[in-house]
């Protein structure tokens, strides 16, 4: 997999985590449905796990550096 593609996937994954986080916080502060807030926070945890896996995969594949 090309490093540029993996970088884009990592950025998108982190962006998805941020969007879900802000949606959950917005819903919580507005005092709307608590079940929706819980669902969004659970989705954030899953998205965060995926983002961490992508970042670790990028480090594993391309983090060796140039020397040696």
PDB file of N, CA and C in Angstrom:
ATOM      1  N   UNK A   1       0.857  -1.183   0.000  1.00  0.00           N
ATOM      2  CA  UNK A   1       0.000   0.000   0.000  1.00  0.00           C
ATOM      3  C   UNK A   1       0.900   1.242   0.000  1.00  0.00           C
ATOM      4  N   UNK A   2       0.526   2.181  -0.773  1.00  0.00           N
ATOM      5  CA  UNK A   2       1.294   3.412  -0.910  1.00  0.00           C
ATOM      6  C   UNK A   2       1.208   4.231   0.380  1.00  0.00           C
ATOM      7  N   UNK A   3       2.319   4.861   0.748  1.00  0.00           N
ATOM      8  CA  UNK A   3       2.364   5.637   1.985  1.00  0.00           C
ATOM      9  C   UNK A   3       1.382   6.808   1.950  1.00  0.00           C
ATOM     10  N   UNK A   4       1.222   7.447   0.810  1.00  0.00           N
ATOM     11  CA  UNK A   4       0.301   8.572   0.700  1.00  0.00           C
ATOM     12  C   UNK A   4      -1.142   8.133   0.951  1.00  0.00           C
ATOM     13  N   UNK A   5      -1.516   6.995   0.402  1.00  0.00           N
ATOM     14  CA  UNK A   5      -2.869   6.481   0.617  1.00  0.00           C
ATOM     15  C   UNK A   5      -3.100   6.176   2.088  1.00  0.00           C
ATOM     16  N   UNK A   6      -2.107   5.560   2.734  1.00  0.00           N
ATOM     17  CA  UNK A   6      -2.235   5.243   4.151  1.00  0.00           C
ATOM     18  C   UNK A   6      -2.301   6.507   4.998  1.00  0.00           C
ATOM     19  N   UNK A   7      -1.561   7.534   4.612  1.00  0.00           N
ATOM     20  CA  UNK A   7      -1.636   8.818   5.327  1.00  0.00           C
ATOM     21  C   UNK A   7      -3.030   9.432   5.206  1.00  0.00           C
ATOM     22  N   UNK A   8      -3.610   9.365   4.028  1.00  0.00           N
ATOM     23  CA  UNK A   8      -4.962   9.902   3.828  1.00  0.00           C
ATOM     24  C   UNK A   8      -5.973   9.115   4.655  1.00  0.00           C
ATOM     25  N   UNK A   9      -5.841   7.789   4.678  1.00  0.00           N
ATOM     26  CA  UNK A   9      -6.745   6.962   5.479  1.00  0.00           C
ATOM     27  C   UNK A   9      -6.618   7.309   6.957  1.00  0.00           C
ATOM     28  N   UNK A  10      -5.399   7.530   7.426  1.00  0.00           N
ATOM     29  CA  UNK A  10      -5.183   7.888   8.834  1.00  0.00           C
ATOM     30  C   UNK A  10      -5.818   9.233   9.155  1.00  0.00           C
ATOM     31  N   UNK A  11      -5.664  10.208   8.282  1.00  0.00           N
ATOM     32  CA  UNK A  11      -6.257  11.531   8.503  1.00  0.00           C
ATOM     33  C   UNK A  11      -7.776  11.438   8.526  1.00  0.00           C
ATOM     34  N   UNK A  12      -8.336  10.674   7.604  1.00  0.00           N
ATOM     35  CA  UNK A  12      -9.791  10.502   7.561  1.00  0.00           C
ATOM     36  C   UNK A  12     -10.279   9.798   8.829  1.00  0.00           C
ATOM     37  N   UNK A  13      -9.550   8.786   9.291  1.00  0.00           N
ATOM     38  CA  UNK A  13      -9.954   8.056  10.496  1.00  0.00           C
ATOM     39  C   UNK A  13      -9.961   8.969  11.718  1.00  0.00           C
ATOM     40  N   UNK A  14      -8.936   9.791  11.858  1.00  0.00           N
ATOM     41  CA  UNK A  14      -8.876  10.734  12.980  1.00  0.00           C
ATOM     42  C   UNK A  14      -9.988  11.781  12.845  1.00  0.00           C
ATOM     43  N   UNK A  15     -10.263  12.220  11.632  1.00  0.00           N
ATOM     44  CA  UNK A  15     -11.350  13.171  11.408  1.00  0.00           C
ATOM     45  C   UNK A  15     -12.710  12.595  11.773  1.00  0.00           C
ATOM     46  N   UNK A  16     -12.924  11.329  11.441  1.00  0.00           N
ATOM     47  CA  UNK A  16     -14.186  10.675  11.796  1.00  0.00           C
ATOM     48  C   UNK A  16     -14.350  10.610  13.310  1.00  0.00           C
ATOM     49  N   UNK A  17     -13.262  10.294  14.012  1.00  0.00           N
ATOM     50  CA  UNK A  17     -13.312  10.268  15.482  1.00  0.00           C
ATOM     51  C   UNK A  17     -13.697  11.640  16.023  1.00  0.00           C
ATOM     52  N   UNK A  18     -13.088  12.691  15.490  1.00  0.00           N
ATOM     53  CA  UNK A  18     -13.388  14.052  15.959  1.00  0.00           C
ATOM     54  C   UNK A  18     -14.841  14.435  15.689  1.00  0.00           C
ATOM     55  N   UNK A  19     -15.340  14.097  14.509  1.00  0.00           N
ATOM     56  CA  UNK A  19     -16.725  14.433  14.171  1.00  0.00           C
ATOM     57  C   UNK A  19     -17.699  13.710  15.091  1.00  0.00           C
ATOM     58  N   UNK A  20     -17.473  12.415  15.320  1.00  0.00           N
ATOM     59  CA  UNK A  20     -18.363  11.657  16.202  1.00  0.00           C
ATOM     60  C   UNK A  20     -18.287  12.206  17.620  1.00  0.00           C
ATOM     61  N   UNK A  21     -17.086  12.562  18.066  1.00  0.00           N
ATOM     62  CA  UNK A  21     -16.937  13.133  19.410  1.00  0.00           C
ATOM     63  C   UNK A  21     -17.733  14.415  19.556  1.00  0.00           C
ATOM     64  N   UNK A  22     -17.599  15.321  18.607  1.00  0.00           N
ATOM     65  CA  UNK A  22     -18.316  16.592  18.690  1.00  0.00           C
ATOM     66  C   UNK A  22     -19.826  16.400  18.560  1.00  0.00           C
ATOM     67  N   UNK A  23     -20.262  15.435  17.744  1.00  0.00           N
ATOM     68  CA  UNK A  23     -21.687  15.156  17.645  1.00  0.00           C
ATOM     69  C   UNK A  23     -22.233  14.657  18.983  1.00  0.00           C
ATOM     70  N   UNK A  24     -21.489  13.779  19.634  1.00  0.00           N
ATOM     71  CA  UNK A  24     -21.910  13.256  20.927  1.00  0.00           C
ATOM     72  C   UNK A  24     -21.928  14.329  21.996  1.00  0.00           C
ATOM     73  N   UNK A  25     -20.910  15.181  22.013  1.00  0.00           N
ATOM     74  CA  UNK A  25     -20.872  16.266  22.991  1.00  0.00           C
ATOM     75  C   UNK A  25     -21.998  17.265  22.750  1.00  0.00           C
ATOM     76  N   UNK A  26     -22.247  17.583  21.494  1.00  0.00           N
ATOM     77  CA  UNK A  26     -23.319  18.518  21.147  1.00  0.00           C
ATOM     78  C   UNK A  26     -24.669  17.967  21.606  1.00  0.00           C
ATOM     79  N   UNK A  27     -24.888  16.703  21.342  1.00  0.00           N
ATOM     80  CA  UNK A  27     -26.136  16.067  21.742  1.00  0.00           C
ATOM     81  C   UNK A  27     -26.273  16.060  23.273  1.00  0.00           C
ATOM     82  N   UNK A  28     -25.173  15.801  23.959  1.00  0.00           N
ATOM     83  CA  UNK A  28     -25.216  15.754  25.419  1.00  0.00           C
ATOM     84  C   UNK A  28     -25.497  17.137  26.005  1.00  0.00           C
ATOM     85  N   UNK A  29     -24.831  18.166  25.485  1.00  0.00           N
ATOM     86  CA  UNK A  29     -25.010  19.513  26.024  1.00  0.00           C
ATOM     87  C   UNK A  29     -26.392  20.087  25.701  1.00  0.00           C
ATOM     88  N   UNK A  30     -26.973  19.661  24.594  1.00  0.00           N
ATOM     89  CA  UNK A  30     -28.316  20.124  24.257  1.00  0.00           C
ATOM     90  C   UNK A  30     -29.374  19.419  25.095  1.00  0.00           C
ATOM     91  N   UNK A  31     -28.980  18.358  25.797  1.00  0.00           N
ATOM     92  CA  UNK A  31     -29.909  17.645  26.656  1.00  0.00           C
ATOM     93  C   UNK A  31     -30.891  16.781  25.900  1.00  0.00           C
ATOM     94  N   UNK A  32     -30.486  16.344  24.726  1.00  0.00           N
ATOM     95  CA  UNK A  32     -31.385  15.498  23.938  1.00  0.00           C
ATOM     96  C   UNK A  32     -31.297  14.059  24.415  1.00  0.00           C
ATOM     97  N   UNK A  33     -31.710  13.155  23.584  1.00  0.00           N
ATOM     98  CA  UNK A  33     -31.824  11.741  23.921  1.00  0.00           C
ATOM     99  C   UNK A  33     -30.509  11.173  24.466  1.00  0.00           C
ATOM    100  N   UNK A  34     -30.565  10.610  25.681  1.00  0.00           N
ATOM    101  CA  UNK A  34     -29.369  10.038  26.295  1.00  0.00           C
ATOM    102  C   UNK A  34     -28.902   8.786  25.565  1.00  0.00           C
ATOM    103  N   UNK A  35     -29.846   8.031  25.018  1.00  0.00           N
ATOM    104  CA  UNK A  35     -29.470   6.827  24.277  1.00  0.00           C
ATOM    105  C   UNK A  35     -28.651   7.182  23.039  1.00  0.00           C
ATOM    106  N   UNK A  36     -28.989   8.292  22.408  1.00  0.00           N
ATOM    107  CA  UNK A  36     -28.230   8.737  21.233  1.00  0.00           C
ATOM    108  C   UNK A  36     -26.815   9.128  21.631  1.00  0.00           C
ATOM    109  N   UNK A  37     -26.676   9.816  22.758  1.00  0.00           N
ATOM    110  CA  UNK A  37     -25.340  10.185  23.239  1.00  0.00           C
ATOM    111  C   UNK A  37     -24.506   8.942  23.512  1.00  0.00           C
ATOM    112  N   UNK A  38     -25.117   7.948  24.147  1.00  0.00           N
ATOM    113  CA  UNK A  38     -24.399   6.700  24.423  1.00  0.00           C
ATOM    114  C   UNK A  38     -23.999   5.998  23.127  1.00  0.00           C
ATOM    115  N   UNK A  39     -24.913   5.980  22.161  1.00  0.00           N
ATOM    116  CA  UNK A  39     -24.616   5.346  20.880  1.00  0.00           C
ATOM    117  C   UNK A  39     -23.455   6.048  20.180  1.00  0.00           C
ATOM    118  N   UNK A  40     -23.460   7.384  20.220  1.00  0.00           N
ATOM    119  CA  UNK A  40     -22.384   8.141  19.582  1.00  0.00           C
ATOM    120  C   UNK A  40     -21.046   7.926  20.294  1.00  0.00           C
ATOM    121  N   UNK A  41     -21.059   7.846  21.607  1.00  0.00           N
ATOM    122  CA  UNK A  41     -19.806   7.628  22.331  1.00  0.00           C
ATOM    123  C   UNK A  41     -19.277   6.216  22.092  1.00  0.00           C
ATOM    124  N   UNK A  42     -20.180   5.240  21.953  1.00  0.00           N
ATOM    125  CA  UNK A  42     -19.727   3.892  21.611  1.00  0.00           C
ATOM    126  C   UNK A  42     -19.149   3.856  20.203  1.00  0.00           C
ATOM    127  N   UNK A  43     -19.786   4.566  19.291  1.00  0.00           N
ATOM    128  CA  UNK A  43     -19.268   4.647  17.919  1.00  0.00           C
ATOM    129  C   UNK A  43     -17.904   5.326  17.906  1.00  0.00           C
ATOM    130  N   UNK A  44     -17.723   6.327  18.779  1.00  0.00           N
ATOM    131  CA  UNK A  44     -16.438   7.009  18.863  1.00  0.00           C
ATOM    132  C   UNK A  44     -15.342   6.060  19.326  1.00  0.00           C
ATOM    133  N   UNK A  45     -15.655   5.223  20.298  1.00  0.00           N
ATOM    134  CA  UNK A  45     -14.660   4.274  20.797  1.00  0.00           C
ATOM    135  C   UNK A  45     -14.248   3.310  19.690  1.00  0.00           C
ATOM    136  N   UNK A  46     -15.210   2.829  18.922  1.00  0.00           N
ATOM    137  CA  UNK A  46     -14.898   1.920  17.820  1.00  0.00           C
ATOM    138  C   UNK A  46     -14.074   2.632  16.753  1.00  0.00           C
ATOM    139  N   UNK A  47     -14.484   3.854  16.391  1.00  0.00           N
ATOM    140  CA  UNK A  47     -13.739   4.619  15.391  1.00  0.00           C
ATOM    141  C   UNK A  47     -12.336   4.937  15.886  1.00  0.00           C
ATOM    142  N   UNK A  48     -12.207   5.198  17.174  1.00  0.00           N
ATOM    143  CA  UNK A  48     -10.901   5.490  17.743  1.00  0.00           C
ATOM    144  C   UNK A  48      -9.993   4.260  17.675  1.00  0.00           C
ATOM    145  N   UNK A  49     -10.548   3.086  17.936  1.00  0.00           N
ATOM    146  CA  UNK A  49      -9.764   1.851  17.836  1.00  0.00           C
ATOM    147  C   UNK A  49      -9.293   1.626  16.402  1.00  0.00           C
ATOM    148  N   UNK A  50     -10.170   1.897  15.440  1.00  0.00           N
ATOM    149  CA  UNK A  50      -9.787   1.755  14.029  1.00  0.00           C
ATOM    150  C   UNK A  50      -8.691   2.759  13.677  1.00  0.00           C
ATOM    151  N   UNK A  51      -8.833   4.000  14.145  1.00  0.00           N
ATOM    152  CA  UNK A  51      -7.831   5.025  13.857  1.00  0.00           C
ATOM    153  C   UNK A  51      -6.475   4.648  14.451  1.00  0.00           C
ATOM    154  N   UNK A  52      -6.476   4.128  15.666  1.00  0.00           N
ATOM    155  CA  UNK A  52      -5.217   3.713  16.289  1.00  0.00           C
ATOM    156  C   UNK A  52      -4.596   2.559  15.515  1.00  0.00           C
ATOM    157  N   UNK A  53      -5.422   1.608  15.077  1.00  0.00           N
ATOM    158  CA  UNK A  53      -4.904   0.484  14.295  1.00  0.00           C
ATOM    159  C   UNK A  53      -4.289   0.966  12.980  1.00  0.00           C
ATOM    160  N   UNK A  54      -4.940   1.923  12.325  1.00  0.00           N
ATOM    161  CA  UNK A  54      -4.400   2.468  11.069  1.00  0.00           C
ATOM    162  C   UNK A  54      -3.080   3.187  11.325  1.00  0.00           C
ATOM    163  N   UNK A  55      -3.033   3.988  12.384  1.00  0.00           N
ATOM    164  CA  UNK A  55      -1.795   4.713  12.695  1.00  0.00           C
ATOM    165  C   UNK A  55      -0.664   3.760  13.060  1.00  0.00           C
ATOM    166  N   UNK A  56      -0.958   2.738  13.844  1.00  0.00           N
ATOM    167  CA  UNK A  56       0.074   1.754  14.172  1.00  0.00           C
ATOM    168  C   UNK A  56       0.521   0.979  12.935  1.00  0.00           C
ATOM    169  N   UNK A  57      -0.427   0.665  12.059  1.00  0.00           N
ATOM    170  CA  UNK A  57      -0.064   0.002  10.812  1.00  0.00           C
ATOM    171  C   UNK A  57       0.834   0.870   9.948  1.00  0.00           C
ATOM    172  N   UNK A  58       0.538   2.169   9.893  1.00  0.00           N
ATOM    173  CA  UNK A  58       1.383   3.087   9.125  1.00  0.00           C
ATOM    174  C   UNK A  58       2.778   3.166   9.719  1.00  0.00           C
ATOM    175  N   UNK A  59       2.855   3.221  11.037  1.00  0.00           N
ATOM    176  CA  UNK A  59       4.178   3.248  11.678  1.00  0.00           C
ATOM    177  C   UNK A  59       4.939   1.949  11.428  1.00  0.00           C
ATOM    178  N   UNK A  60       4.234   0.838  11.489  1.00  0.00           N
ATOM    179  CA  UNK A  60       4.886  -0.447  11.262  1.00  0.00           C
ATOM    180  C   UNK A  60       5.412  -0.557   9.832  1.00  0.00           C
ATOM    181  N   UNK A  61       4.590  -0.139   8.865  1.00  0.00           N
ATOM    182  CA  UNK A  61       4.971  -0.312   7.462  1.00  0.00           C
ATOM    183  C   UNK A  61       5.980   0.736   6.990  1.00  0.00           C
ATOM    184  N   UNK A  62       5.838   1.993   7.463  1.00  0.00           N
ATOM    185  CA  UNK A  62       6.642   3.067   6.901  1.00  0.00           C
ATOM    186  C   UNK A  62       7.481   3.810   7.927  1.00  0.00           C
ATOM    187  N   UNK A  63       7.505   3.364   9.158  1.00  0.00           N
ATOM    188  CA  UNK A  63       8.228   4.085  10.197  1.00  0.00           C
ATOM    189  C   UNK A  63       9.627   3.605  10.447  1.00  0.00           C
ATOM    190  N   UNK A  64      10.172   2.876   9.526  1.00  0.00           N
ATOM    191  CA  UNK A  64      11.514   2.319   9.719  1.00  0.00           C
ATOM    192  C   UNK A  64      12.616   3.333   9.454  1.00  0.00           C
ATOM    193  N   UNK A  65      12.295   4.413   8.802  1.00  0.00           N
ATOM    194  CA  UNK A  65      13.305   5.420   8.496  1.00  0.00           C
ATOM    195  C   UNK A  65      14.147   5.032   7.291  1.00  0.00           C
ATOM    196  N   UNK A  66      15.103   5.874   6.969  1.00  0.00           N
ATOM    197  CA  UNK A  66      15.918   5.648   5.783  1.00  0.00           C
ATOM    198  C   UNK A  66      17.260   5.018   6.102  1.00  0.00           C
ATOM    199  N   UNK A  67      17.652   5.005   7.358  1.00  0.00           N
ATOM    200  CA  UNK A  67      18.999   4.528   7.663  1.00  0.00           C
ATOM    201  C   UNK A  67      19.025   3.123   8.168  1.00  0.00           C
ATOM    202  N   UNK A  68      19.191   2.188   7.330  1.00  0.00           N
ATOM    203  CA  UNK A  68      19.499   0.961   7.739  1.00  0.00           C
ATOM    204  C   UNK A  68      18.919  -0.252   7.953  1.00  0.00           C
TER     205      UNK A  68
END
